[in-house]
Amino acid sequence: MAKFILLSVLALLIPFECPALAATFSGRGAFAHVEAQMKIGPRPTGSEAWRATGDYIVRQLKVAGWAVEEERHAYQGTRIRNIIGRKGTGPVVIIGAHYDTRLRADQDRANRTAPVPGANDGASGVAVLLELARTLDIRKLTREVWLAFFDAEDNGDLDGWEWTVGSRFMAQHLKVRPEVVIVVDMVGDRDQQLYYEGNSDPEWSRRIWAVAHRLGYGEHFIPVVKHSVYDDHIPFAQKGIPSVDIIDFDYPYWHTLEDTIDKVSAESLERVGRTLQALLEEWR
């Protein structure tokens, strides 16, 4: 009897194992994933910290009950590892973020050779996806959702590397055609300003920003094009797949040593995460 009571108490203390419980995206929960990545250190592709970050992502997805697949290949003699979590049934939607960080802070006036810490540029997008993994309600999904963690996005123009290596590999090897690809990059800035991105699908941009406005985030989701960015959505857009980049490119610490955790806000992560959660769960 004592053993039965203990097991019952433990079951109550571990709510994520009960599929009947719905959850709301938590900015604090997402921020904890930023902290975890920052404790690992800079995470350039091929490094030990990069490997540990990938392993961390896989563990978090499995704990949240997602089926996990990895895409591995080599690029210029370096191992590349995309990670995909899948849940739901129906047409495919990809929500993506890159998890690598830039090898050298080439935009830093004081030190252009040290690795970028990557709190916003890398960790913020991963954090949003991992908190979505915990909170998306499978009962409300009418699509198969892929949470895609792209490798090797951020070393473009260094040592002969191209940009978006991992997402390009995924786009080239898709066996299904997603309805849309939504990339989340540099979204944790405390001074969050998310404008339409110029290379993104206009119809889908309007749809996402409309959800954000309905949730009360109009001050931060600004429905005007300001920047055109070459990011992980481009390889999919080039294949004719509707693609959107949610990115705050008004970030003065981009590719510098000042891209640190004090620049990231749990509230900013929460706005993006709750917008995506509502979009996916209300989609009919």
C-alpha atoms as a PDB file:
ATOM      1  CA  MET A   1       0.000   0.000   0.000  1.00  0.00           C
ATOM      2  CA  ALA A   2       2.803   2.437   0.868  1.00  0.00           C
ATOM      3  CA  LYS A   3       4.432   1.803  -2.503  1.00  0.00           C
ATOM      4  CA  PHE A   4       1.121   2.457  -4.283  1.00  0.00           C
ATOM      5  CA  ILE A   5       0.643   5.750  -2.414  1.00  0.00           C
ATOM      6  CA  LEU A   6       4.206   6.843  -3.264  1.00  0.00           C
ATOM      7  CA  LEU A   7       3.700   6.118  -6.951  1.00  0.00           C
ATOM      8  CA  SER A   8       0.432   8.035  -6.924  1.00  0.00           C
ATOM      9  CA  VAL A   9       2.115  11.069  -5.365  1.00  0.00           C
ATOM     10  CA  LEU A  10       4.924  10.917  -7.920  1.00  0.00           C
ATOM     11  CA  ALA A  11       2.383  10.805 -10.734  1.00  0.00           C
ATOM     12  CA  LEU A  12       0.830  14.019  -9.439  1.00  0.00           C
ATOM     13  CA  LEU A  13       4.233  15.679  -9.323  1.00  0.00           C
ATOM     14  CA  ILE A  14       5.038  14.923 -12.981  1.00  0.00           C
ATOM     15  CA  PRO A  15       2.197  16.556 -14.965  1.00  0.00           C
ATOM     16  CA  PHE A  16       4.015  16.510 -18.332  1.00  0.00           C
ATOM     17  CA  GLU A  17       3.526  12.750 -18.500  1.00  0.00           C
ATOM     18  CA  CYS A  18      -0.253  13.161 -18.616  1.00  0.00           C
ATOM     19  CA  PRO A  19      -1.430  13.893 -22.185  1.00  0.00           C
ATOM     20  CA  ALA A  20      -4.810  15.138 -20.946  1.00  0.00           C
ATOM     21  CA  LEU A  21      -3.279  18.243 -19.376  1.00  0.00           C
ATOM     22  CA  ALA A  22      -3.075  21.358 -21.567  1.00  0.00           C
ATOM     23  CA  ALA A  23      -0.330  23.890 -20.963  1.00  0.00           C
ATOM     24  CA  THR A  24       0.222  27.533 -21.854  1.00  0.00           C
ATOM     25  CA  PHE A  25       3.532  28.690 -23.272  1.00  0.00           C
ATOM     26  CA  SER A  26       5.665  30.123 -20.472  1.00  0.00           C
ATOM     27  CA  GLY A  27       8.258  32.810 -21.092  1.00  0.00           C
ATOM     28  CA  ARG A  28      10.047  31.718 -17.939  1.00  0.00           C
ATOM     29  CA  GLY A  29      10.077  28.150 -19.177  1.00  0.00           C
ATOM     30  CA  ALA A  30      11.578  29.264 -22.471  1.00  0.00           C
ATOM     31  CA  PHE A  31      14.113  31.457 -20.706  1.00  0.00           C
ATOM     32  CA  ALA A  32      15.298  28.424 -18.722  1.00  0.00           C
ATOM     33  CA  HIS A  33      16.264  26.828 -22.056  1.00  0.00           C
ATOM     34  CA  VAL A  34      18.259  29.954 -22.937  1.00  0.00           C
ATOM     35  CA  GLU A  35      20.058  29.641 -19.598  1.00  0.00           C
ATOM     36  CA  ALA A  36      20.810  25.969 -20.223  1.00  0.00           C
ATOM     37  CA  GLN A  37      22.365  26.719 -23.614  1.00  0.00           C
ATOM     38  CA  MET A  38      24.396  29.614 -22.295  1.00  0.00           C
ATOM     39  CA  LYS A  39      25.818  27.415 -19.535  1.00  0.00           C
ATOM     40  CA  ILE A  40      27.120  25.099 -22.252  1.00  0.00           C
ATOM     41  CA  GLY A  41      28.990  28.027 -23.830  1.00  0.00           C
ATOM     42  CA  PRO A  42      29.452  29.143 -27.453  1.00  0.00           C
ATOM     43  CA  ARG A  43      28.129  26.427 -29.779  1.00  0.00           C
ATOM     44  CA  PRO A  44      29.773  26.612 -33.217  1.00  0.00           C
ATOM     45  CA  THR A  45      29.149  23.636 -35.483  1.00  0.00           C
ATOM     46  CA  GLY A  46      31.529  20.752 -34.832  1.00  0.00           C
ATOM     47  CA  SER A  47      32.511  21.795 -31.306  1.00  0.00           C
ATOM     48  CA  GLU A  48      31.964  19.807 -28.116  1.00  0.00           C
ATOM     49  CA  ALA A  49      29.480  22.459 -26.944  1.00  0.00           C
ATOM     50  CA  TRP A  50      27.579  22.071 -30.227  1.00  0.00           C
ATOM     51  CA  ARG A  51      27.347  18.310 -29.644  1.00  0.00           C
ATOM     52  CA  ALA A  52      26.128  18.826 -26.078  1.00  0.00           C
ATOM     53  CA  THR A  53      23.496  21.302 -27.267  1.00  0.00           C
ATOM     54  CA  GLY A  54      22.183  18.857 -29.838  1.00  0.00           C
ATOM     55  CA  ASP A  55      21.975  16.151 -27.193  1.00  0.00           C
ATOM     56  CA  TYR A  56      20.118  18.557 -24.896  1.00  0.00           C
ATOM     57  CA  ILE A  57      17.570  19.316 -27.626  1.00  0.00           C
ATOM     58  CA  VAL A  58      16.995  15.613 -28.298  1.00  0.00           C
ATOM     59  CA  ARG A  59      16.466  14.897 -24.586  1.00  0.00           C
ATOM     60  CA  GLN A  60      13.963  17.715 -24.195  1.00  0.00           C
ATOM     61  CA  LEU A  61      11.972  16.613 -27.232  1.00  0.00           C
ATOM     62  CA  LYS A  62      11.808  13.013 -26.035  1.00  0.00           C
ATOM     63  CA  VAL A  63      10.741  14.026 -22.527  1.00  0.00           C
ATOM     64  CA  ALA A  64       7.900  16.014 -24.114  1.00  0.00           C
ATOM     65  CA  GLY A  65       6.807  12.981 -26.134  1.00  0.00           C
ATOM     66  CA  TRP A  66       7.951  13.991 -29.615  1.00  0.00           C
ATOM     67  CA  ALA A  67       9.238  11.488 -32.168  1.00  0.00           C
ATOM     68  CA  VAL A  68      12.824  12.509 -32.953  1.00  0.00           C
ATOM     69  CA  GLU A  69      14.797  12.115 -36.169  1.00  0.00           C
ATOM     70  CA  GLU A  70      18.265  13.377 -37.036  1.00  0.00           C
ATOM     71  CA  GLU A  71      19.712  14.330 -40.411  1.00  0.00           C
ATOM     72  CA  ARG A  72      23.469  13.931 -40.500  1.00  0.00           C
ATOM     73  CA  HIS A  73      25.917  14.749 -43.260  1.00  0.00           C
ATOM     74  CA  ALA A  74      29.305  16.397 -43.682  1.00  0.00           C
ATOM     75  CA  TYR A  75      30.126  19.869 -44.967  1.00  0.00           C
ATOM     76  CA  GLN A  76      33.716  20.856 -45.687  1.00  0.00           C
ATOM     77  CA  GLY A  77      34.919  18.065 -43.435  1.00  0.00           C
ATOM     78  CA  THR A  78      32.663  19.062 -40.512  1.00  0.00           C
ATOM     79  CA  ARG A  79      29.778  16.991 -39.183  1.00  0.00           C
ATOM     80  CA  ILE A  80      26.347  18.576 -39.629  1.00  0.00           C
ATOM     81  CA  ARG A  81      23.372  17.493 -37.525  1.00  0.00           C
ATOM     82  CA  ASN A  82      19.802  18.659 -38.053  1.00  0.00           C
ATOM     83  CA  ILE A  83      17.288  17.562 -35.404  1.00  0.00           C
ATOM     84  CA  ILE A  84      13.555  17.171 -36.073  1.00  0.00           C
ATOM     85  CA  GLY A  85      10.779  16.553 -33.552  1.00  0.00           C
ATOM     86  CA  ARG A  86       7.446  15.363 -34.978  1.00  0.00           C
ATOM     87  CA  LYS A  87       3.964  15.266 -33.492  1.00  0.00           C
ATOM     88  CA  GLY A  88       0.418  15.215 -34.856  1.00  0.00           C
ATOM     89  CA  THR A  89      -1.110  13.990 -38.103  1.00  0.00           C
ATOM     90  CA  GLY A  90      -2.117  15.629 -41.370  1.00  0.00           C
ATOM     91  CA  PRO A  91      -0.376  18.105 -43.665  1.00  0.00           C
ATOM     92  CA  VAL A  92       3.091  19.114 -42.453  1.00  0.00           C
ATOM     93  CA  VAL A  93       4.047  22.452 -40.902  1.00  0.00           C
ATOM     94  CA  ILE A  94       7.682  23.183 -40.047  1.00  0.00           C
ATOM     95  CA  ILE A  95       8.627  25.541 -37.207  1.00  0.00           C
ATOM     96  CA  GLY A  96      12.396  25.990 -37.322  1.00  0.00           C
ATOM     97  CA  ALA A  97      15.331  27.616 -35.552  1.00  0.00           C
ATOM     98  CA  HIS A  98      19.107  27.248 -35.804  1.00  0.00           C
ATOM     99  CA  TYR A  99      21.018  26.029 -32.760  1.00  0.00           C
ATOM    100  CA  ASP A 100      24.610  26.708 -33.827  1.00  0.00           C
ATOM    101  CA  THR A 101      26.407  29.943 -32.941  1.00  0.00           C
ATOM    102  CA  ARG A 102      28.908  31.966 -34.956  1.00  0.00           C
ATOM    103  CA  LEU A 103      32.530  30.881 -34.754  1.00  0.00           C
ATOM    104  CA  ARG A 104      33.929  34.419 -34.702  1.00  0.00           C
ATOM    105  CA  ALA A 105      32.424  37.746 -33.602  1.00  0.00           C
ATOM    106  CA  ASP A 106      33.329  39.572 -36.803  1.00  0.00           C
ATOM    107  CA  GLN A 107      31.002  42.512 -35.984  1.00  0.00           C
ATOM    108  CA  ASP A 108      32.725  43.171 -32.648  1.00  0.00           C
ATOM    109  CA  ARG A 109      35.082  46.137 -32.817  1.00  0.00           C
ATOM    110  CA  ALA A 110      37.118  45.021 -29.806  1.00  0.00           C
ATOM    111  CA  ASN A 111      37.550  41.305 -30.530  1.00  0.00           C
ATOM    112  CA  ARG A 112      36.629  39.877 -33.910  1.00  0.00           C
ATOM    113  CA  THR A 113      38.125  36.416 -33.349  1.00  0.00           C
ATOM    114  CA  ALA A 114      36.358  35.170 -30.199  1.00  0.00           C
ATOM    115  CA  PRO A 115      33.209  33.004 -30.575  1.00  0.00           C
ATOM    116  CA  VAL A 116      29.785  34.650 -30.266  1.00  0.00           C
ATOM    117  CA  PRO A 117      27.947  33.706 -27.020  1.00  0.00           C
ATOM    118  CA  GLY A 118      24.675  33.430 -28.954  1.00  0.00           C
ATOM    119  CA  ALA A 119      22.039  34.247 -26.334  1.00  0.00           C
ATOM    120  CA  ASN A 120      19.650  35.844 -28.814  1.00  0.00           C
ATOM    121  CA  ASP A 121      21.197  34.661 -32.082  1.00  0.00           C
ATOM    122  CA  GLY A 122      20.715  30.956 -31.578  1.00  0.00           C
ATOM    123  CA  ALA A 123      19.500  30.254 -28.052  1.00  0.00           C
ATOM    124  CA  SER A 124      16.289  32.313 -28.219  1.00  0.00           C
ATOM    125  CA  GLY A 125      14.819  30.475 -31.207  1.00  0.00           C
ATOM    126  CA  VAL A 126      15.740  27.078 -29.772  1.00  0.00           C
ATOM    127  CA  ALA A 127      14.146  28.067 -26.465  1.00  0.00           C
ATOM    128  CA  VAL A 128      10.858  28.991 -28.136  1.00  0.00           C
ATOM    129  CA  LEU A 129      10.726  25.660 -29.977  1.00  0.00           C
ATOM    130  CA  LEU A 130      11.515  23.625 -26.866  1.00  0.00           C
ATOM    131  CA  GLU A 131       8.828  25.357 -24.822  1.00  0.00           C
ATOM    132  CA  LEU A 132       6.403  24.781 -27.701  1.00  0.00           C
ATOM    133  CA  ALA A 133       7.353  21.102 -27.512  1.00  0.00           C
ATOM    134  CA  ARG A 134       6.154  21.066 -23.911  1.00  0.00           C
ATOM    135  CA  THR A 135       2.978  23.094 -24.379  1.00  0.00           C
ATOM    136  CA  LEU A 136       1.434  22.329 -27.785  1.00  0.00           C
ATOM    137  CA  ASP A 137      -1.856  20.486 -27.254  1.00  0.00           C
ATOM    138  CA  ILE A 138      -1.854  17.465 -29.559  1.00  0.00           C
ATOM    139  CA  ARG A 139      -5.650  17.226 -29.277  1.00  0.00           C
ATOM    140  CA  LYS A 140      -6.045  20.610 -30.963  1.00  0.00           C
ATOM    141  CA  LEU A 141      -3.581  20.106 -33.806  1.00  0.00           C
ATOM    142  CA  THR A 142      -4.962  19.495 -37.279  1.00  0.00           C
ATOM    143  CA  ARG A 143      -1.498  19.278 -38.819  1.00  0.00           C
ATOM    144  CA  GLU A 144       1.682  17.275 -38.330  1.00  0.00           C
ATOM    145  CA  VAL A 145       4.071  19.726 -36.694  1.00  0.00           C
ATOM    146  CA  TRP A 146       7.803  19.448 -37.201  1.00  0.00           C
ATOM    147  CA  LEU A 147      10.048  21.319 -34.787  1.00  0.00           C
ATOM    148  CA  ALA A 148      13.228  21.611 -36.842  1.00  0.00           C
ATOM    149  CA  PHE A 149      16.538  22.564 -35.233  1.00  0.00           C
ATOM    150  CA  PHE A 150      18.841  23.593 -38.063  1.00  0.00           C
ATOM    151  CA  ASP A 151      22.589  23.223 -37.856  1.00  0.00           C
ATOM    152  CA  ALA A 152      25.299  25.316 -39.538  1.00  0.00           C
ATOM    153  CA  GLU A 153      23.299  28.471 -40.227  1.00  0.00           C
ATOM    154  CA  ASP A 154      25.615  31.015 -38.727  1.00  0.00           C
ATOM    155  CA  ASN A 155      29.154  30.613 -40.112  1.00  0.00           C
ATOM    156  CA  GLY A 156      28.479  32.105 -43.527  1.00  0.00           C
ATOM    157  CA  ASP A 157      31.407  34.060 -45.029  1.00  0.00           C
ATOM    158  CA  LEU A 158      33.841  32.569 -42.516  1.00  0.00           C
ATOM    159  CA  ASP A 159      36.564  30.220 -43.817  1.00  0.00           C
ATOM    160  CA  GLY A 160      34.721  29.678 -47.081  1.00  0.00           C
ATOM    161  CA  TRP A 161      31.484  28.544 -45.421  1.00  0.00           C
ATOM    162  CA  GLU A 162      28.051  29.304 -46.807  1.00  0.00           C
ATOM    163  CA  TRP A 163      25.017  30.405 -44.816  1.00  0.00           C
ATOM    164  CA  THR A 164      22.048  28.126 -43.996  1.00  0.00           C
ATOM    165  CA  VAL A 165      23.895  24.858 -44.610  1.00  0.00           C
ATOM    166  CA  GLY A 166      21.623  22.717 -42.442  1.00  0.00           C
ATOM    167  CA  SER A 167      18.293  24.132 -43.613  1.00  0.00           C
ATOM    168  CA  ARG A 168      19.409  23.849 -47.236  1.00  0.00           C
ATOM    169  CA  PHE A 169      20.175  20.168 -46.707  1.00  0.00           C
ATOM    170  CA  MET A 170      16.736  19.630 -45.177  1.00  0.00           C
ATOM    171  CA  ALA A 171      14.950  21.506 -47.960  1.00  0.00           C
ATOM    172  CA  GLN A 172      16.768  19.492 -50.605  1.00  0.00           C
ATOM    173  CA  HIS A 173      15.891  16.161 -48.985  1.00  0.00           C
ATOM    174  CA  LEU A 174      12.236  16.711 -48.077  1.00  0.00           C
ATOM    175  CA  LYS A 175       9.998  13.757 -48.902  1.00  0.00           C
ATOM    176  CA  VAL A 176       6.824  15.778 -48.245  1.00  0.00           C
ATOM    177  CA  ARG A 177       5.855  19.321 -49.142  1.00  0.00           C
ATOM    178  CA  PRO A 178       5.110  21.430 -46.043  1.00  0.00           C
ATOM    179  CA  GLU A 179       2.197  23.840 -46.134  1.00  0.00           C
ATOM    180  CA  VAL A 180       4.417  26.486 -44.571  1.00  0.00           C
ATOM    181  CA  VAL A 181       7.829  26.875 -42.942  1.00  0.00           C
ATOM    182  CA  ILE A 182       8.110  29.388 -40.099  1.00  0.00           C
ATOM    183  CA  VAL A 183      11.610  30.252 -38.878  1.00  0.00           C
ATOM    184  CA  VAL A 184      12.169  31.816 -35.452  1.00  0.00           C
ATOM    185  CA  ASP A 185      15.477  33.663 -35.129  1.00  0.00           C
ATOM    186  CA  MET A 186      16.737  36.387 -32.779  1.00  0.00           C
ATOM    187  CA  VAL A 187      13.362  36.842 -31.086  1.00  0.00           C
ATOM    188  CA  GLY A 188      14.414  37.322 -27.463  1.00  0.00           C
ATOM    189  CA  ASP A 189      15.624  40.944 -27.581  1.00  0.00           C
ATOM    190  CA  ARG A 190      14.367  42.939 -24.589  1.00  0.00           C
ATOM    191  CA  ASP A 191      13.612  45.788 -27.009  1.00  0.00           C
ATOM    192  CA  GLN A 192      11.563  43.510 -29.246  1.00  0.00           C
ATOM    193  CA  GLN A 193      10.575  44.851 -32.677  1.00  0.00           C
ATOM    194  CA  LEU A 194       9.321  42.181 -35.053  1.00  0.00           C
ATOM    195  CA  TYR A 195       8.701  43.678 -38.493  1.00  0.00           C
ATOM    196  CA  TYR A 196       7.614  41.807 -41.590  1.00  0.00           C
ATOM    197  CA  GLU A 197      10.727  40.328 -43.233  1.00  0.00           C
ATOM    198  CA  GLY A 198      11.056  41.202 -46.919  1.00  0.00           C
ATOM    199  CA  ASN A 199      11.802  37.699 -48.249  1.00  0.00           C
ATOM    200  CA  SER A 200       8.903  36.093 -46.380  1.00  0.00           C
ATOM    201  CA  ASP A 201       5.568  35.000 -47.800  1.00  0.00           C
ATOM    202  CA  PRO A 202       3.288  38.080 -47.469  1.00  0.00           C
ATOM    203  CA  GLU A 203       0.041  36.177 -46.900  1.00  0.00           C
ATOM    204  CA  TRP A 204       1.507  34.029 -44.145  1.00  0.00           C
ATOM    205  CA  SER A 205       3.230  37.017 -42.563  1.00  0.00           C
ATOM    206  CA  ARG A 206      -0.109  38.814 -42.340  1.00  0.00           C
ATOM    207  CA  ARG A 207      -1.718  35.728 -40.849  1.00  0.00           C
ATOM    208  CA  ILE A 208       0.919  35.331 -38.115  1.00  0.00           C
ATOM    209  CA  TRP A 209       1.027  39.037 -37.257  1.00  0.00           C
ATOM    210  CA  ALA A 210      -2.797  39.116 -37.086  1.00  0.00           C
ATOM    211  CA  VAL A 211      -2.704  36.390 -34.415  1.00  0.00           C
ATOM    212  CA  ALA A 212      -0.111  38.384 -32.474  1.00  0.00           C
ATOM    213  CA  HIS A 213      -2.250  41.531 -32.673  1.00  0.00           C
ATOM    214  CA  ARG A 214      -5.305  39.627 -31.449  1.00  0.00           C
ATOM    215  CA  LEU A 215      -3.265  38.455 -28.439  1.00  0.00           C
ATOM    216  CA  GLY A 216      -2.356  42.048 -27.609  1.00  0.00           C
ATOM    217  CA  TYR A 217       1.191  42.078 -28.997  1.00  0.00           C
ATOM    218  CA  GLY A 218       0.697  44.743 -31.650  1.00  0.00           C
ATOM    219  CA  GLU A 219       3.347  46.995 -30.142  1.00  0.00           C
ATOM    220  CA  HIS A 220       5.973  44.332 -30.838  1.00  0.00           C
ATOM    221  CA  PHE A 221       4.666  42.699 -34.043  1.00  0.00           C
ATOM    222  CA  ILE A 222       4.796  45.566 -36.517  1.00  0.00           C
ATOM    223  CA  PRO A 223       3.120  44.815 -39.888  1.00  0.00           C
ATOM    224  CA  VAL A 224       5.567  46.750 -42.058  1.00  0.00           C
ATOM    225  CA  VAL A 225       8.565  45.443 -44.024  1.00  0.00           C
ATOM    226  CA  LYS A 226      11.827  46.829 -42.666  1.00  0.00           C
ATOM    227  CA  HIS A 227      14.574  44.278 -43.407  1.00  0.00           C
ATOM    228  CA  SER A 228      15.192  41.568 -45.988  1.00  0.00           C
ATOM    229  CA  VAL A 229      17.281  38.801 -44.441  1.00  0.00           C
ATOM    230  CA  TYR A 230      18.958  35.690 -45.848  1.00  0.00           C
ATOM    231  CA  ASP A 231      17.977  33.155 -43.198  1.00  0.00           C
ATOM    232  CA  ASP A 232      16.888  29.535 -42.812  1.00  0.00           C
ATOM    233  CA  HIS A 233      13.566  30.186 -44.554  1.00  0.00           C
ATOM    234  CA  ILE A 234      15.254  30.960 -47.872  1.00  0.00           C
ATOM    235  CA  PRO A 235      16.119  27.365 -48.953  1.00  0.00           C
ATOM    236  CA  PHE A 236      12.444  26.415 -48.552  1.00  0.00           C
ATOM    237  CA  ALA A 237      11.174  29.560 -50.273  1.00  0.00           C
ATOM    238  CA  GLN A 238      13.467  28.788 -53.210  1.00  0.00           C
ATOM    239  CA  LYS A 239      11.595  25.497 -53.613  1.00  0.00           C
ATOM    240  CA  GLY A 240       8.277  27.344 -53.773  1.00  0.00           C
ATOM    241  CA  ILE A 241       7.231  26.523 -50.200  1.00  0.00           C
ATOM    242  CA  PRO A 242       5.538  29.432 -48.362  1.00  0.00           C
ATOM    243  CA  SER A 243       8.082  30.521 -45.747  1.00  0.00           C
ATOM    244  CA  VAL A 244       8.257  33.201 -43.068  1.00  0.00           C
ATOM    245  CA  ASP A 245      11.134  34.515 -40.984  1.00  0.00           C
ATOM    246  CA  ILE A 246      10.167  35.908 -37.575  1.00  0.00           C
ATOM    247  CA  ILE A 247      13.282  37.899 -36.745  1.00  0.00           C
ATOM    248  CA  ASP A 248      14.199  41.040 -34.833  1.00  0.00           C
ATOM    249  CA  PHE A 249      17.081  42.346 -36.904  1.00  0.00           C
ATOM    250  CA  ASP A 250      17.252  45.638 -35.002  1.00  0.00           C
ATOM    251  CA  TYR A 251      19.665  44.014 -32.584  1.00  0.00           C
ATOM    252  CA  PRO A 252      22.883  45.993 -31.995  1.00  0.00           C
ATOM    253  CA  TYR A 253      24.692  42.991 -30.467  1.00  0.00           C
ATOM    254  CA  TRP A 254      24.413  40.806 -33.592  1.00  0.00           C
ATOM    255  CA  HIS A 255      27.615  38.796 -34.118  1.00  0.00           C
ATOM    256  CA  THR A 256      29.384  40.489 -31.216  1.00  0.00           C
ATOM    257  CA  LEU A 257      30.552  39.345 -27.796  1.00  0.00           C
ATOM    258  CA  GLU A 258      27.679  41.341 -26.281  1.00  0.00           C
ATOM    259  CA  ASP A 259      25.060  38.833 -27.452  1.00  0.00           C
ATOM    260  CA  THR A 260      24.645  37.711 -23.840  1.00  0.00           C
ATOM    261  CA  ILE A 261      21.762  36.536 -21.691  1.00  0.00           C
ATOM    262  CA  ASP A 262      21.121  39.920 -20.104  1.00  0.00           C
ATOM    263  CA  LYS A 263      19.898  41.097 -23.536  1.00  0.00           C
ATOM    264  CA  VAL A 264      17.164  38.423 -23.602  1.00  0.00           C
ATOM    265  CA  SER A 265      13.697  38.805 -22.099  1.00  0.00           C
ATOM    266  CA  ALA A 266      11.315  36.052 -21.011  1.00  0.00           C
ATOM    267  CA  GLU A 267       8.433  38.327 -22.011  1.00  0.00           C
ATOM    268  CA  SER A 268       9.768  38.596 -25.562  1.00  0.00           C
ATOM    269  CA  LEU A 269      10.078  34.815 -25.825  1.00  0.00           C
ATOM    270  CA  GLU A 270       6.563  34.423 -24.470  1.00  0.00           C
ATOM    271  CA  ARG A 271       4.995  36.736 -27.041  1.00  0.00           C
ATOM    272  CA  VAL A 272       6.466  34.761 -29.914  1.00  0.00           C
ATOM    273  CA  GLY A 273       5.730  31.381 -28.381  1.00  0.00           C
ATOM    274  CA  ARG A 274       2.115  32.157 -27.518  1.00  0.00           C
ATOM    275  CA  THR A 275       1.545  33.536 -31.009  1.00  0.00           C
ATOM    276  CA  LEU A 276       2.807  30.319 -32.583  1.00  0.00           C
ATOM    277  CA  GLN A 277       0.897  28.156 -30.117  1.00  0.00           C
ATOM    278  CA  ALA A 278      -2.359  29.955 -30.933  1.00  0.00           C
ATOM    279  CA  LEU A 279      -1.667  29.780 -34.670  1.00  0.00           C
ATOM    280  CA  LEU A 280      -1.072  26.026 -34.592  1.00  0.00           C
ATOM    281  CA  GLU A 281      -3.820  25.056 -32.139  1.00  0.00           C
ATOM    282  CA  GLU A 282      -6.523  27.200 -33.786  1.00  0.00           C
ATOM    283  CA  TRP A 283      -5.721  26.155 -37.350  1.00  0.00           C
ATOM    284  CA  ARG A 284      -8.701  24.483 -39.030  1.00  0.00           C
END
